[in-house]
Amino acid sequence: MSNEESNESRRRFLKIAAGTAAVAVVAGGLPRMARAADLPHVTDADPTAKALGYVEDNTTTKNPKHKAGDDCSNCQFYSGGPTGYGPCQLFPGKSVSAKGWCVSHSPKKA
Protein backbone atom coordinates (compact mmCIF):
# COMPACT_ATOMS: atom_id res chain seq x y z
CA MET A 1 0.00 0.00 0.00
CA SER A 2 1.44 3.37 -0.96
CA ASN A 3 1.65 6.35 1.32
CA GLU A 4 -1.05 8.17 -0.69
CA GLU A 5 -3.46 5.21 -0.36
CA SER A 6 -2.76 5.09 3.39
CA ASN A 7 -3.55 8.81 3.75
CA GLU A 8 -6.78 8.40 1.77
CA SER A 9 -7.82 5.48 3.96
CA ARG A 10 -7.10 7.50 7.09
CA ARG A 11 -9.13 10.47 5.78
CA ARG A 12 -12.09 8.21 4.99
CA PHE A 13 -11.93 6.69 8.48
CA LEU A 14 -11.86 10.14 10.12
CA LYS A 15 -14.84 11.33 8.03
CA ILE A 16 -16.86 8.27 9.00
CA ALA A 17 -15.91 8.62 12.68
CA ALA A 18 -16.87 12.32 12.71
CA GLY A 19 -20.19 11.56 11.01
CA THR A 20 -20.95 8.78 13.49
CA ALA A 21 -20.21 11.10 16.41
CA ALA A 22 -22.49 13.80 14.98
CA VAL A 23 -25.34 11.32 14.55
CA ALA A 24 -24.89 10.09 18.13
CA VAL A 25 -25.19 13.65 19.46
CA VAL A 26 -28.28 14.43 17.39
CA ALA A 27 -29.89 11.12 18.31
CA GLY A 28 -29.67 11.91 22.00
CA GLY A 29 -26.15 11.02 22.99
CA LEU A 30 -26.02 14.12 25.20
CA PRO A 31 -28.36 14.82 28.10
CA ARG A 32 -31.37 16.93 27.20
CA MET A 33 -31.30 20.48 28.54
CA ALA A 34 -34.34 21.41 30.59
CA ARG A 35 -36.56 23.99 28.97
CA ALA A 36 -38.22 26.70 31.04
CA ALA A 37 -41.62 25.24 30.16
CA ASP A 38 -40.55 21.96 31.80
CA LEU A 39 -39.50 23.59 35.07
CA PRO A 40 -41.92 23.70 38.01
CA HIS A 41 -43.06 27.17 39.03
CA VAL A 42 -41.91 28.66 42.32
CA THR A 43 -44.74 28.61 44.85
CA ASP A 44 -45.47 30.58 48.00
CA ALA A 45 -44.59 27.47 50.02
CA ASP A 46 -41.01 27.44 48.68
CA PRO A 47 -38.59 28.33 51.53
CA THR A 48 -36.33 30.35 49.21
CA ALA A 49 -39.33 32.27 47.87
CA LYS A 50 -40.39 33.10 51.44
CA ALA A 51 -36.88 34.19 52.40
CA LEU A 52 -36.59 36.46 49.35
CA GLY A 53 -40.14 37.85 49.56
CA TYR A 54 -40.94 36.52 46.06
CA VAL A 55 -44.34 37.41 44.61
CA GLU A 56 -45.69 36.29 41.22
CA ASP A 57 -47.15 39.73 40.55
CA ASN A 58 -44.82 42.62 41.38
CA THR A 59 -47.76 45.01 41.74
CA THR A 60 -48.98 43.12 44.81
CA THR A 61 -45.83 43.44 46.92
CA LYS A 62 -45.89 45.70 49.97
CA ASN A 63 -42.10 45.50 50.36
CA PRO A 64 -40.58 49.00 50.62
CA LYS A 65 -37.53 47.89 48.60
CA HIS A 66 -39.69 47.43 45.48
CA LYS A 67 -39.37 50.22 42.92
CA ALA A 68 -41.95 50.88 40.22
CA GLY A 69 -41.04 49.01 37.05
CA ASP A 70 -38.91 46.37 38.78
CA ASP A 71 -39.89 42.82 37.88
CA CYS A 72 -38.18 39.54 37.09
CA SER A 73 -38.09 40.23 33.35
CA ASN A 74 -35.61 43.09 33.88
CA CYS A 75 -33.50 41.36 36.56
CA GLN A 76 -29.98 40.09 35.84
CA PHE A 77 -30.75 36.71 37.47
CA TYR A 78 -33.72 35.99 35.15
CA SER A 79 -33.08 34.40 31.76
CA GLY A 80 -36.61 33.93 30.43
CA GLY A 81 -38.68 35.99 28.05
CA PRO A 82 -40.57 39.22 28.75
CA THR A 83 -43.80 37.32 29.49
CA GLY A 84 -44.73 33.98 31.00
CA TYR A 85 -42.27 32.05 33.13
CA GLY A 86 -38.55 31.54 32.91
CA PRO A 87 -35.53 30.28 34.83
CA CYS A 88 -33.94 32.34 37.61
CA GLN A 89 -30.48 31.73 39.04
CA LEU A 90 -31.84 32.29 42.55
CA PHE A 91 -34.30 29.40 42.19
CA PRO A 92 -32.31 26.58 40.50
CA GLY A 93 -34.48 24.03 38.75
CA LYS A 94 -37.59 26.21 38.99
CA SER A 95 -39.17 28.98 36.97
CA VAL A 96 -40.50 32.35 38.07
CA SER A 97 -43.05 34.71 36.57
CA ALA A 98 -41.64 37.41 34.30
CA LYS A 99 -43.91 39.83 36.19
CA GLY A 100 -42.73 38.56 39.60
CA TRP A 101 -40.34 40.27 42.01
CA CYS A 102 -38.13 39.50 45.02
CA VAL A 103 -35.82 41.49 47.30
CA SER A 104 -32.75 40.26 45.37
CA HIS A 105 -33.88 42.09 42.22
CA SER A 106 -30.84 43.49 40.45
CA PRO A 107 -31.41 45.40 37.19
CA LYS A 108 -29.83 43.99 34.04
CA LYS A 109 -26.78 45.87 32.91
CA ALA A 110 -27.15 47.47 29.51
C-alpha atoms as a PDB file:
ATOM      1  CA  MET A   1       0.000   0.000   0.000  1.00  0.00           C
ATOM      2  CA  SER A   2       1.439   3.372  -0.960  1.00  0.00           C
ATOM      3  CA  ASN A   3       1.648   6.354   1.322  1.00  0.00           C
ATOM      4  CA  GLU A   4      -1.050   8.168  -0.690  1.00  0.00           C
ATOM      5  CA  GLU A   5      -3.455   5.213  -0.362  1.00  0.00           C
ATOM      6  CA  SER A   6      -2.756   5.092   3.388  1.00  0.00           C
ATOM      7  CA  ASN A   7      -3.549   8.813   3.752  1.00  0.00           C
ATOM      8  CA  GLU A   8      -6.782   8.404   1.772  1.00  0.00           C
ATOM      9  CA  SER A   9      -7.817   5.478   3.964  1.00  0.00           C
ATOM     10  CA  ARG A  10      -7.098   7.501   7.093  1.00  0.00           C
ATOM     11  CA  ARG A  11      -9.131  10.468   5.784  1.00  0.00           C
ATOM     12  CA  ARG A  12     -12.089   8.210   4.985  1.00  0.00           C
ATOM     13  CA  PHE A  13     -11.934   6.694   8.483  1.00  0.00           C
ATOM     14  CA  LEU A  14     -11.861  10.144  10.123  1.00  0.00           C
ATOM     15  CA  LYS A  15     -14.835  11.332   8.034  1.00  0.00           C
ATOM     16  CA  ILE A  16     -16.864   8.268   9.000  1.00  0.00           C
ATOM     17  CA  ALA A  17     -15.907   8.623  12.677  1.00  0.00           C
ATOM     18  CA  ALA A  18     -16.869  12.316  12.709  1.00  0.00           C
ATOM     19  CA  GLY A  19     -20.187  11.558  11.006  1.00  0.00           C
ATOM     20  CA  THR A  20     -20.953   8.785  13.494  1.00  0.00           C
ATOM     21  CA  ALA A  21     -20.212  11.099  16.414  1.00  0.00           C
ATOM     22  CA  ALA A  22     -22.487  13.803  14.982  1.00  0.00           C
ATOM     23  CA  VAL A  23     -25.336  11.318  14.547  1.00  0.00           C
ATOM     24  CA  ALA A  24     -24.887  10.091  18.130  1.00  0.00           C
ATOM     25  CA  VAL A  25     -25.190  13.648  19.464  1.00  0.00           C
ATOM     26  CA  VAL A  26     -28.277  14.425  17.385  1.00  0.00           C
ATOM     27  CA  ALA A  27     -29.893  11.124  18.311  1.00  0.00           C
ATOM     28  CA  GLY A  28     -29.666  11.913  22.005  1.00  0.00           C
ATOM     29  CA  GLY A  29     -26.149  11.020  22.993  1.00  0.00           C
ATOM     30  CA  LEU A  30     -26.018  14.124  25.196  1.00  0.00           C
ATOM     31  CA  PRO A  31     -28.361  14.822  28.098  1.00  0.00           C
ATOM     32  CA  ARG A  32     -31.374  16.929  27.197  1.00  0.00           C
ATOM     33  CA  MET A  33     -31.298  20.480  28.540  1.00  0.00           C
ATOM     34  CA  ALA A  34     -34.341  21.415  30.593  1.00  0.00           C
ATOM     35  CA  ARG A  35     -36.556  23.989  28.966  1.00  0.00           C
ATOM     36  CA  ALA A  36     -38.221  26.697  31.039  1.00  0.00           C
ATOM     37  CA  ALA A  37     -41.619  25.240  30.161  1.00  0.00           C
ATOM     38  CA  ASP A  38     -40.547  21.965  31.799  1.00  0.00           C
ATOM     39  CA  LEU A  39     -39.498  23.590  35.074  1.00  0.00           C
ATOM     40  CA  PRO A  40     -41.918  23.704  38.010  1.00  0.00           C
ATOM     41  CA  HIS A  41     -43.065  27.173  39.032  1.00  0.00           C
ATOM     42  CA  VAL A  42     -41.907  28.661  42.318  1.00  0.00           C
ATOM     43  CA  THR A  43     -44.745  28.606  44.850  1.00  0.00           C
ATOM     44  CA  ASP A  44     -45.468  30.581  48.003  1.00  0.00           C
ATOM     45  CA  ALA A  45     -44.594  27.465  50.018  1.00  0.00           C
ATOM     46  CA  ASP A  46     -41.014  27.435  48.680  1.00  0.00           C
ATOM     47  CA  PRO A  47     -38.588  28.330  51.528  1.00  0.00           C
ATOM     48  CA  THR A  48     -36.331  30.348  49.213  1.00  0.00           C
ATOM     49  CA  ALA A  49     -39.334  32.272  47.875  1.00  0.00           C
ATOM     50  CA  LYS A  50     -40.386  33.100  51.436  1.00  0.00           C
ATOM     51  CA  ALA A  51     -36.879  34.195  52.395  1.00  0.00           C
ATOM     52  CA  LEU A  52     -36.593  36.462  49.353  1.00  0.00           C
ATOM     53  CA  GLY A  53     -40.141  37.845  49.559  1.00  0.00           C
ATOM     54  CA  TYR A  54     -40.936  36.525  46.064  1.00  0.00           C
ATOM     55  CA  VAL A  55     -44.343  37.410  44.610  1.00  0.00           C
ATOM     56  CA  GLU A  56     -45.693  36.290  41.224  1.00  0.00           C
ATOM     57  CA  ASP A  57     -47.146  39.730  40.547  1.00  0.00           C
ATOM     58  CA  ASN A  58     -44.815  42.621  41.378  1.00  0.00           C
ATOM     59  CA  THR A  59     -47.758  45.012  41.736  1.00  0.00           C
ATOM     60  CA  THR A  60     -48.981  43.119  44.809  1.00  0.00           C
ATOM     61  CA  THR A  61     -45.834  43.444  46.925  1.00  0.00           C
ATOM     62  CA  LYS A  62     -45.894  45.699  49.967  1.00  0.00           C
ATOM     63  CA  ASN A  63     -42.101  45.502  50.358  1.00  0.00           C
ATOM     64  CA  PRO A  64     -40.578  49.002  50.624  1.00  0.00           C
ATOM     65  CA  LYS A  65     -37.533  47.889  48.599  1.00  0.00           C
ATOM     66  CA  HIS A  66     -39.693  47.430  45.480  1.00  0.00           C
ATOM     67  CA  LYS A  67     -39.369  50.220  42.919  1.00  0.00           C
ATOM     68  CA  ALA A  68     -41.946  50.880  40.221  1.00  0.00           C
ATOM     69  CA  GLY A  69     -41.037  49.015  37.051  1.00  0.00           C
ATOM     70  CA  ASP A  70     -38.908  46.373  38.777  1.00  0.00           C
ATOM     71  CA  ASP A  71     -39.886  42.823  37.885  1.00  0.00           C
ATOM     72  CA  CYS A  72     -38.182  39.535  37.089  1.00  0.00           C
ATOM     73  CA  SER A  73     -38.087  40.229  33.348  1.00  0.00           C
ATOM     74  CA  ASN A  74     -35.609  43.089  33.885  1.00  0.00           C
ATOM     75  CA  CYS A  75     -33.497  41.363  36.560  1.00  0.00           C
ATOM     76  CA  GLN A  76     -29.984  40.086  35.839  1.00  0.00           C
ATOM     77  CA  PHE A  77     -30.752  36.710  37.471  1.00  0.00           C
ATOM     78  CA  TYR A  78     -33.717  35.991  35.152  1.00  0.00           C
ATOM     79  CA  SER A  79     -33.079  34.402  31.761  1.00  0.00           C
ATOM     80  CA  GLY A  80     -36.606  33.930  30.426  1.00  0.00           C
ATOM     81  CA  GLY A  81     -38.682  35.993  28.050  1.00  0.00           C
ATOM     82  CA  PRO A  82     -40.575  39.218  28.753  1.00  0.00           C
ATOM     83  CA  THR A  83     -43.796  37.319  29.491  1.00  0.00           C
ATOM     84  CA  GLY A  84     -44.733  33.984  30.996  1.00  0.00           C
ATOM     85  CA  TYR A  85     -42.271  32.047  33.127  1.00  0.00           C
ATOM     86  CA  GLY A  86     -38.546  31.540  32.912  1.00  0.00           C
ATOM     87  CA  PRO A  87     -35.533  30.279  34.835  1.00  0.00           C
ATOM     88  CA  CYS A  88     -33.941  32.339  37.606  1.00  0.00           C
ATOM     89  CA  GLN A  89     -30.478  31.728  39.036  1.00  0.00           C
ATOM     90  CA  LEU A  90     -31.837  32.290  42.553  1.00  0.00           C
ATOM     91  CA  PHE A  91     -34.303  29.400  42.185  1.00  0.00           C
ATOM     92  CA  PRO A  92     -32.308  26.582  40.505  1.00  0.00           C
ATOM     93  CA  GLY A  93     -34.484  24.031  38.752  1.00  0.00           C
ATOM     94  CA  LYS A  94     -37.591  26.214  38.990  1.00  0.00           C
ATOM     95  CA  SER A  95     -39.170  28.982  36.970  1.00  0.00           C
ATOM     96  CA  VAL A  96     -40.497  32.349  38.074  1.00  0.00           C
ATOM     97  CA  SER A  97     -43.055  34.710  36.572  1.00  0.00           C
ATOM     98  CA  ALA A  98     -41.644  37.414  34.303  1.00  0.00           C
ATOM     99  CA  LYS A  99     -43.909  39.830  36.192  1.00  0.00           C
ATOM    100  CA  GLY A 100     -42.726  38.562  39.595  1.00  0.00           C
ATOM    101  CA  TRP A 101     -40.344  40.270  42.005  1.00  0.00           C
ATOM    102  CA  CYS A 102     -38.130  39.496  45.023  1.00  0.00           C
ATOM    103  CA  VAL A 103     -35.818  41.488  47.295  1.00  0.00           C
ATOM    104  CA  SER A 104     -32.751  40.256  45.374  1.00  0.00           C
ATOM    105  CA  HIS A 105     -33.882  42.087  42.223  1.00  0.00           C
ATOM    106  CA  SER A 106     -30.835  43.487  40.451  1.00  0.00           C
ATOM    107  CA  PRO A 107     -31.410  45.402  37.193  1.00  0.00           C
ATOM    108  CA  LYS A 108     -29.832  43.990  34.039  1.00  0.00           C
ATOM    109  CA  LYS A 109     -26.779  45.868  32.910  1.00  0.00           C
ATOM    110  CA  ALA A 110     -27.147  47.465  29.514  1.00  0.00           C
END
